[in-house]
Amino acid sequence: MFVSIIFVKLHWRLRDVCHLVYLQCKSVIYIHFKNLIDMATSMNYSVVARKNPSKKSEPAKYYALAQASGELDFDEMCEAIAGRTTCTETDVRAALAGIIYEAKRALKAGRIVRLGDLGSLQMGLSSEGAEKAEDFTLSMIKKSRINFRPGKGLTDITKTMAYTRVVTRSMQAVEPEGPADGGLEEDPLG
């Protein structure tokens, strides 16, 4: 009788552990599936006419132009990161504010800021040209800018990008029924 009670308790514990593992796996599968859905979304583009500035006499050619489908603001990003980690939203805001503060300090000191898979930041300059190096003066510097170079973590998405043609905002007034091709996705792999 004593052995059977231990077995029953062990059985119930094992069942509870298995159920917990099932729930955790179900959660992981859901998160993985959601990530696949997020990654499977396509980039909207429209087709616009552009003239070649160096060959103004030639007719315009049509080119793809990326169209934003919305934006991710700071608050939404902090909330999303907090939801995926053990950090609170306040912790995330503090960390991102710290990154911005330290990046400013490093850029002012002329340093490159490397942010891992996100990419890197570096100061750049625009200036007028001088015939000789000794003729160059500080007044020839017109402005400084921050150059962003995306890291591998960001550039990898370009390898699997799908595309969906949409009508430009200016053409939406002319074609209220939608794009001529029905907005069908074009397979980038052929």
Foldseek 3Di string as FASTA:
>chain_A
DVVVVVVVVVVVVVVVVVVVVVVVVVVVVVVVVVVVVVLPDAWEWEKDWDDDPVCNVDGTDIDIDTDDPDDQDPQNVLVVVVVVDVDHSVRSVVVVVVVVVVLVVQQVVQHWAQDPQQWIKGKDWDFDDDPDPVPDDPVRTDDMDIDTDGHPNPVVSVVQHWYWYWHDPVCCVVPVVTDPVNRDIDHPVD
